[in-house]
Amino acid sequence: MVRLSVSAIYGEHQKAKTWKRRPFYTPPPRLARADSSVNGLSSTPSTGAEDVSNHDPLVDAHRRLISEVFFLRSQVQNMMARRDLLVHQVRASPRWELMKEWLEKRVEHWDPEEEYH
């Protein structure tokens, strides 16, 4: 497994945020050229042996890094959604109790905006 510094991952994360706005992923020109030669899409005819020899480890590392960044981003989004759900549940329970007391006339007034903001 490749170990990366936090700043490298953060830099890739920042790039991923801008890529999110684009409809499709477009690799940088150097990686696009390397990728097309690896996949046999280059303008020169190639054999299977040449494909292996032209294989750029930088392309693989870049793909793994981007994949990991998107995976981590989805994990963070899931954690944020769980946190928001828990916060909502924590707020809803006392709100329900207060509303129930108000309905049973045990509380003089009930203003949810006043109580929970």
Protein backbone atom coordinates (compact mmCIF):
# COMPACT_ATOMS: atom_id res chain seq x y z
CA MET A 1 0.00 0.00 0.00
CA VAL A 2 1.26 3.46 -0.86
CA ARG A 3 1.58 5.85 2.12
CA LEU A 4 0.87 9.49 1.34
CA SER A 5 1.21 12.64 3.36
CA VAL A 6 -1.89 14.42 4.59
CA SER A 7 -1.10 17.42 2.39
CA ALA A 8 -0.94 15.19 -0.71
CA ILE A 9 -4.30 13.61 0.10
CA TYR A 10 -5.81 17.02 0.91
CA GLY A 11 -4.50 18.37 -2.41
CA GLU A 12 -6.13 15.48 -4.26
CA HIS A 13 -9.31 16.06 -2.27
CA GLN A 14 -9.35 19.71 -3.35
CA LYS A 15 -8.89 18.62 -6.97
CA ALA A 16 -11.67 16.07 -6.54
CA LYS A 17 -14.01 18.81 -5.32
CA THR A 18 -13.45 20.74 -8.55
CA TRP A 19 -13.78 17.56 -10.61
CA LYS A 20 -17.13 16.91 -8.94
CA ARG A 21 -18.53 19.92 -10.78
CA ARG A 22 -17.45 18.51 -14.13
CA PRO A 23 -19.70 15.94 -15.84
CA PHE A 24 -16.87 13.43 -16.40
CA TYR A 25 -13.36 12.88 -15.08
CA THR A 26 -10.72 14.24 -17.43
CA PRO A 27 -7.17 13.19 -16.55
CA PRO A 28 -4.30 15.66 -17.02
CA PRO A 29 -2.80 15.50 -20.56
CA ARG A 30 0.29 13.52 -19.46
CA LEU A 31 -1.87 10.91 -17.75
CA ALA A 32 -4.31 10.81 -20.67
CA ARG A 33 -1.43 10.07 -23.07
CA ALA A 34 -0.03 7.42 -20.75
CA ASP A 35 -3.47 5.88 -20.28
CA SER A 36 -4.18 5.71 -24.00
CA SER A 37 -0.84 4.03 -24.68
CA VAL A 38 -1.47 1.52 -21.88
CA ASN A 39 -4.91 0.68 -23.23
CA GLY A 40 -3.60 0.25 -26.77
CA LEU A 41 -5.26 3.41 -28.08
CA SER A 42 -2.05 5.06 -29.25
CA SER A 43 -1.58 5.92 -32.90
CA THR A 44 1.31 3.44 -33.25
CA PRO A 45 0.51 -0.25 -33.55
CA SER A 46 1.49 -2.21 -30.46
CA THR A 47 1.64 -5.77 -29.25
CA GLY A 48 0.62 -7.09 -25.86
CA ALA A 49 4.28 -7.15 -24.75
CA GLU A 50 4.64 -3.45 -25.60
CA ASP A 51 1.53 -2.64 -23.57
CA VAL A 52 3.14 -4.13 -20.49
CA SER A 53 6.44 -2.34 -21.07
CA ASN A 54 4.66 1.02 -21.64
CA HIS A 55 2.65 0.57 -18.45
CA ASP A 56 3.18 3.69 -16.33
CA PRO A 57 3.13 3.07 -12.56
CA LEU A 58 2.25 6.75 -12.09
CA VAL A 59 -1.07 6.16 -13.82
CA ASP A 60 -1.87 3.26 -11.49
CA ALA A 61 -0.85 5.27 -8.44
CA HIS A 62 -2.98 8.20 -9.62
CA ARG A 63 -6.00 5.94 -10.18
CA ARG A 64 -5.60 4.34 -6.75
CA LEU A 65 -5.24 7.74 -5.11
CA ILE A 66 -8.31 9.15 -6.84
CA SER A 67 -10.25 6.01 -5.98
CA GLU A 68 -9.21 6.29 -2.34
CA VAL A 69 -10.06 10.00 -2.23
CA PHE A 70 -13.57 9.35 -3.54
CA PHE A 71 -14.00 6.42 -1.16
CA LEU A 72 -12.91 8.55 1.81
CA ARG A 73 -15.16 11.38 0.64
CA SER A 74 -18.15 9.03 0.58
CA GLN A 75 -17.22 7.76 4.05
CA VAL A 76 -17.12 11.35 5.36
CA GLN A 77 -20.47 12.11 3.72
CA ASN A 78 -21.96 9.02 5.37
CA MET A 79 -20.58 10.06 8.76
CA MET A 80 -21.99 13.56 8.32
CA ALA A 81 -25.39 12.16 7.38
CA ARG A 82 -25.37 9.90 10.45
CA ARG A 83 -24.37 12.85 12.64
CA ASP A 84 -27.17 15.00 11.21
CA LEU A 85 -29.66 12.20 11.78
CA LEU A 86 -28.53 11.76 15.39
CA VAL A 87 -28.72 15.51 16.03
CA HIS A 88 -32.22 15.55 14.55
CA GLN A 89 -33.26 12.62 16.75
CA VAL A 90 -31.77 14.24 19.85
CA ARG A 91 -33.69 17.45 19.14
CA ALA A 92 -36.92 15.68 18.20
CA SER A 93 -37.21 13.67 21.40
CA PRO A 94 -37.32 16.60 23.88
CA ARG A 95 -39.42 18.59 21.42
CA TRP A 96 -41.95 15.77 21.38
CA GLU A 97 -41.94 15.59 25.19
CA LEU A 98 -42.51 19.34 25.47
CA MET A 99 -45.27 19.24 22.88
CA LYS A 100 -46.90 16.34 24.72
CA GLU A 101 -46.77 18.29 28.01
CA TRP A 102 -48.26 21.32 26.27
CA LEU A 103 -51.06 19.19 24.81
CA GLU A 104 -51.78 17.80 28.27
CA LYS A 105 -51.93 21.42 29.53
CA ARG A 106 -48.94 21.00 31.85
CA VAL A 107 -47.04 23.81 30.11
CA GLU A 108 -48.42 27.31 29.59
CA HIS A 109 -46.94 27.92 26.15
CA TRP A 110 -44.81 26.14 23.59
CA ASP A 111 -42.72 27.85 20.94
CA PRO A 112 -40.34 25.43 19.19
CA GLU A 113 -38.41 28.29 17.57
CA GLU A 114 -37.75 29.83 20.97
CA GLU A 115 -36.73 26.58 22.64
CA TYR A 116 -34.40 25.05 20.07
CA HIS A 117 -32.57 27.78 18.19
